[in-house]
Amino acid sequence: MPFSLHQGDALSVLSGLPDDSVDSVITDPPYNSGGRTAKERTTRTPRQKYISADAGHTLPDFTGENMDQRSYGFWLTQIMTEAHRLTKTGGTALLFTDWRQMPVTTDALQAAGWLWRGVLAWHKPAVRPQKGRFKQSCEFIVWGSNGAIDGERNPVYLPGLYSASQPSGKQRQHITQKPVTVMRELVKICPEGGTILDFTAGSGSTGVAALLEGRDFIGVEKTPAYAEIAADRLTETVRQTLSQEDVVLSA
């Protein structure tokens, strides 16, 4: 089965999965950021935080976005500890974050038992200029491994900088959706035929990228509306992939 998708609480779902069952954890957890003050970060909805008032999007809100920084660090450490148990020796973890939550994210990764390997940058060309300030043109991907990495098992040479804008218009199906072009590059850290876990799957972009690049996928999404969107996107990706294989075989 190329993918499995679970709708529910990530910690509960992960606790039921077997040891050493995934090769890479690639996930975009709710940053619990987006605001100048603690009150703005913990009382506003994701839609209020991350979508301009005039954008016209009707995307559903999602849960888990109103923790203070200490609570977020505790939650992330818990779930990354569980993810560490699930990941094979030499496997990898990639966590999206922003500049505000970079320190707590790197702390949580290491507290959960991972070896911190570095930080990748995702450059977003289409961001709003701010008068008298620098543009906030980057988000980041903290990455690490479960022990030593065997380069011969997956002999890839991957960049540390990625550039792409968020999907827009009808292509945008989640408030904080990541570009599939970027995700297709990131999933290559997982060996071909391996399994990728995303415990905050959102609209399923990590899974779509994994399937397109020949990896299996396990996803968990708590918000029912987004779990349904992810299921549809993953199913359609499998269908398209199988259709392309049929064309190649008949050629």
Protein backbone atom coordinates (compact mmCIF):
# COMPACT_ATOMS: atom_id res chain seq x y z
CA MET A 1 0.00 0.00 0.00
CA PRO A 2 1.67 3.26 -1.11
CA PHE A 3 0.02 5.30 1.65
CA SER A 4 -2.03 5.16 4.84
CA LEU A 5 -3.78 8.20 6.29
CA HIS A 6 -5.08 8.45 9.86
CA GLN A 7 -7.54 11.08 11.05
CA GLY A 8 -6.94 11.72 14.74
CA ASP A 9 -4.53 12.93 17.41
CA ALA A 10 -0.92 12.44 16.33
CA LEU A 11 0.42 11.20 19.68
CA SER A 12 -2.36 8.62 19.95
CA VAL A 13 -1.87 7.39 16.40
CA LEU A 14 1.93 7.22 16.61
CA SER A 15 1.79 5.24 19.87
CA GLY A 16 0.06 2.43 17.95
CA LEU A 17 2.69 2.17 15.19
CA PRO A 18 5.57 -0.34 15.41
CA ASP A 19 9.22 0.42 16.13
CA ASP A 20 11.55 1.01 13.16
CA SER A 21 8.66 1.35 10.70
CA VAL A 22 9.65 4.58 8.90
CA ASP A 23 12.76 5.90 7.16
CA SER A 24 12.11 9.65 7.42
CA VAL A 25 9.88 12.01 9.36
CA ILE A 26 9.05 15.09 7.27
CA THR A 27 6.46 17.37 8.81
CA ASP A 28 5.16 20.92 9.06
CA PRO A 29 3.84 21.21 12.63
CA PRO A 30 1.70 24.19 13.65
CA TYR A 31 4.28 26.86 14.50
CA ASN A 32 2.21 28.48 17.26
CA SER A 33 3.74 31.70 16.06
CA GLY A 34 2.38 34.48 13.86
CA GLY A 35 2.02 37.59 16.02
CA ARG A 36 3.95 40.42 17.64
CA THR A 37 2.82 39.62 21.18
CA ALA A 38 2.08 36.49 23.20
CA LYS A 39 -1.60 37.45 23.19
CA GLU A 40 -1.69 37.66 19.40
CA ARG A 41 0.04 34.30 19.08
CA THR A 42 -2.23 32.44 21.52
CA THR A 43 -5.66 34.00 20.95
CA ARG A 44 -5.97 34.47 17.18
CA THR A 45 -7.05 31.70 14.82
CA PRO A 46 -4.67 30.37 12.13
CA ARG A 47 -6.75 32.13 9.48
CA GLN A 48 -6.37 35.44 11.35
CA LYS A 49 -2.63 34.89 11.74
CA TYR A 50 -1.60 33.70 8.31
CA ILE A 51 -4.12 34.97 5.74
CA SER A 52 -4.56 38.62 4.81
CA ALA A 53 -8.00 40.03 5.52
CA ASP A 54 -8.55 40.78 1.81
CA ALA A 55 -7.35 37.39 0.53
CA GLY A 56 -10.83 35.97 0.08
CA HIS A 57 -9.84 32.42 1.11
CA THR A 58 -12.43 30.27 2.86
CA LEU A 59 -9.97 27.63 4.05
CA PRO A 60 -10.81 25.84 7.33
CA ASP A 61 -8.91 26.65 10.51
CA PHE A 62 -6.84 23.90 12.11
CA THR A 63 -6.16 22.83 15.68
CA GLY A 64 -2.99 23.04 17.77
CA GLU A 65 -2.05 26.61 16.87
CA ASN A 66 -2.59 28.42 20.19
CA MET A 67 0.07 27.04 22.54
CA ASP A 68 2.55 29.31 24.24
CA GLN A 69 6.21 28.64 23.48
CA ARG A 70 6.89 26.42 26.51
CA SER A 71 3.82 24.29 25.82
CA TYR A 72 4.79 24.02 22.16
CA GLY A 73 8.29 22.88 23.08
CA PHE A 74 6.91 20.26 25.46
CA TRP A 75 4.43 18.95 22.88
CA LEU A 76 7.03 18.86 20.11
CA THR A 77 9.51 17.01 22.34
CA GLN A 78 6.88 14.41 23.22
CA ILE A 79 5.87 13.72 19.67
CA MET A 80 9.40 13.76 18.28
CA THR A 81 10.37 11.23 20.97
CA GLU A 82 7.63 8.96 19.68
CA ALA A 83 8.73 9.62 16.10
CA HIS A 84 12.31 8.72 17.07
CA ARG A 85 11.09 5.30 18.23
CA LEU A 86 9.39 4.75 14.90
CA THR A 87 12.40 5.73 12.79
CA LYS A 88 15.05 3.27 11.70
CA THR A 89 18.67 3.81 12.74
CA GLY A 90 20.18 6.27 10.30
CA GLY A 91 16.77 7.67 9.41
CA THR A 92 16.10 11.38 9.25
CA ALA A 93 13.72 14.04 10.54
CA LEU A 94 12.84 17.35 8.86
CA LEU A 95 10.75 19.95 10.71
CA PHE A 96 9.48 23.20 9.21
CA THR A 97 9.64 26.22 11.49
CA ASP A 98 9.81 30.02 11.39
CA TRP A 99 12.32 32.42 12.90
CA ARG A 100 10.40 32.82 16.17
CA GLN A 101 10.25 29.09 16.91
CA MET A 102 13.69 28.11 15.61
CA PRO A 103 15.32 27.84 19.07
CA VAL A 104 12.53 25.77 20.65
CA THR A 105 12.39 23.51 17.58
CA THR A 106 16.09 22.71 17.66
CA ASP A 107 15.87 22.12 21.42
CA ALA A 108 12.90 19.75 21.03
CA LEU A 109 14.59 17.78 18.26
CA GLN A 110 17.66 17.13 20.41
CA ALA A 111 15.71 16.52 23.62
CA ALA A 112 13.78 13.81 21.77
CA GLY A 113 17.01 11.93 21.01
CA TRP A 114 17.78 13.09 17.47
CA LEU A 115 21.20 14.24 16.30
CA TRP A 116 20.74 17.80 15.01
CA ARG A 117 22.29 18.07 11.54
CA GLY A 118 21.56 21.63 10.50
CA VAL A 119 19.02 24.09 9.11
CA LEU A 120 17.74 24.39 5.54
CA ALA A 121 16.18 27.58 4.15
CA TRP A 122 12.96 27.85 2.17
CA HIS A 123 12.92 31.15 0.29
CA LYS A 124 9.47 32.53 -0.59
CA PRO A 125 9.67 35.00 -3.51
CA ALA A 126 6.11 36.32 -3.14
CA VAL A 127 6.05 37.97 0.27
CA ARG A 128 4.76 41.38 1.34
CA PRO A 129 7.32 44.20 1.60
CA GLN A 130 7.35 46.07 4.92
CA LYS A 131 8.16 49.76 5.01
CA GLY A 132 11.29 50.47 7.03
CA ARG A 133 11.96 46.74 7.58
CA PHE A 134 13.45 43.67 5.94
CA LYS A 135 11.08 41.30 4.18
CA GLN A 136 10.40 38.02 5.99
CA SER A 137 11.28 35.99 2.93
CA CYS A 138 12.33 32.72 4.56
CA GLU A 139 11.02 29.87 6.60
CA PHE A 140 13.31 27.10 7.76
CA ILE A 141 13.63 23.33 7.98
CA VAL A 142 15.46 21.96 11.01
CA TRP A 143 16.82 18.51 10.28
CA GLY A 144 18.48 15.69 12.14
CA SER A 145 19.05 11.94 12.17
CA ASN A 146 18.56 8.92 14.36
CA GLY A 147 22.25 8.21 14.78
CA ALA A 148 24.81 7.98 11.99
CA ILE A 149 23.72 8.34 8.37
CA ASP A 150 24.90 5.71 5.88
CA GLY A 151 25.43 7.72 2.71
CA GLU A 152 25.78 4.57 0.62
CA ARG A 153 22.21 3.55 1.46
CA ASN A 154 20.88 6.72 -0.16
CA PRO A 155 23.69 8.33 -2.20
CA VAL A 156 22.06 11.67 -2.95
CA TYR A 157 23.50 15.19 -2.98
CA LEU A 158 20.80 17.58 -1.87
CA PRO A 159 20.79 21.41 -1.77
CA GLY A 160 20.31 23.39 1.43
CA LEU A 161 18.30 26.22 -0.12
CA TYR A 162 14.90 25.98 -1.81
CA SER A 163 12.89 28.71 -3.53
CA ALA A 164 9.17 28.56 -4.36
CA SER A 165 6.04 30.48 -3.48
CA GLN A 166 3.07 29.02 -1.62
CA PRO A 167 0.26 27.74 -3.84
CA SER A 168 -2.33 30.40 -4.62
CA GLY A 169 -5.90 30.58 -5.86
CA LYS A 170 -7.62 27.23 -6.31
CA GLN A 171 -4.30 25.43 -5.83
CA ARG A 172 -4.15 26.55 -2.20
CA GLN A 173 -6.01 23.99 -0.11
CA HIS A 174 -4.48 24.67 3.33
CA ILE A 175 -3.72 27.87 5.21
CA THR A 176 -0.02 27.03 5.57
CA GLN A 177 0.35 24.76 2.52
CA LYS A 178 3.88 24.07 1.30
CA PRO A 179 4.81 23.86 -2.40
CA VAL A 180 4.97 20.32 -3.80
CA THR A 181 8.06 21.36 -5.79
CA VAL A 182 9.94 21.95 -2.53
CA MET A 183 8.54 18.84 -0.89
CA ARG A 184 9.61 16.66 -3.84
CA GLU A 185 13.20 17.70 -3.23
CA LEU A 186 13.02 17.22 0.55
CA VAL A 187 11.57 13.69 0.37
CA LYS A 188 14.68 12.56 -1.51
CA ILE A 189 16.46 12.36 1.87
CA CYS A 190 14.44 9.15 2.29
CA PRO A 191 15.83 6.15 0.35
CA GLU A 192 13.84 5.11 -2.72
CA GLY A 193 11.08 2.70 -1.72
CA GLY A 194 11.31 3.85 1.90
CA THR A 195 8.51 5.16 4.10
CA ILE A 196 7.93 8.79 5.08
CA LEU A 197 5.87 9.84 8.11
CA ASP A 198 4.10 13.20 8.43
CA PHE A 199 2.20 13.44 11.73
CA THR A 200 0.68 16.86 10.87
CA ALA A 201 -0.24 16.06 7.28
CA GLY A 202 -2.52 19.02 6.57
CA SER A 203 -3.72 18.84 2.97
CA GLY A 204 -1.23 16.07 2.18
CA SER A 205 1.57 17.86 0.29
CA THR A 206 4.33 15.77 1.90
CA GLY A 207 2.46 12.61 0.95
CA VAL A 208 1.85 13.75 -2.62
CA ALA A 209 5.57 14.48 -3.00
CA ALA A 210 6.52 11.14 -1.43
CA LEU A 211 4.29 9.17 -3.80
CA LEU A 212 5.51 11.09 -6.85
CA GLU A 213 9.11 10.31 -5.87
CA GLY A 214 8.55 6.60 -5.30
CA ARG A 215 8.29 6.58 -1.50
CA ASP A 216 5.52 5.18 0.69
CA PHE A 217 3.69 7.50 3.06
CA ILE A 218 2.07 7.44 6.49
CA GLY A 219 0.08 10.56 7.34
CA VAL A 220 -1.79 11.76 10.42
CA GLU A 221 -4.12 14.76 10.38
CA LYS A 222 -6.34 15.86 13.27
CA THR A 223 -8.64 18.32 11.47
CA PRO A 224 -11.35 16.30 9.66
CA ALA A 225 -11.76 18.75 6.76
CA TYR A 226 -8.04 18.64 5.95
CA ALA A 227 -7.83 14.86 6.41
CA GLU A 228 -10.52 14.56 3.73
CA ILE A 229 -8.65 16.90 1.38
CA ALA A 230 -5.42 14.96 1.97
CA ALA A 231 -7.12 11.63 1.28
CA ASP A 232 -8.48 12.95 -2.03
CA ARG A 233 -5.10 14.35 -3.11
CA LEU A 234 -3.22 11.18 -2.17
CA THR A 235 -5.73 8.93 -3.91
CA GLU A 236 -5.57 11.06 -7.06
CA THR A 237 -1.76 10.99 -6.99
CA VAL A 238 -1.75 7.19 -6.79
CA ARG A 239 -4.20 7.05 -9.70
CA GLN A 240 -2.07 9.35 -11.83
CA THR A 241 1.11 7.46 -10.95
CA LEU A 242 -0.44 4.13 -11.92
CA SER A 243 -1.75 5.62 -15.19
CA GLN A 244 1.74 6.85 -16.06
CA GLU A 245 3.19 3.40 -15.33
CA ASP A 246 0.62 1.84 -17.66
CA VAL A 247 1.67 4.24 -20.41
CA VAL A 248 5.35 3.36 -19.95
CA LEU A 249 4.63 -0.38 -19.97
CA SER A 250 2.58 -0.16 -23.14
CA ALA A 251 5.08 2.04 -24.97
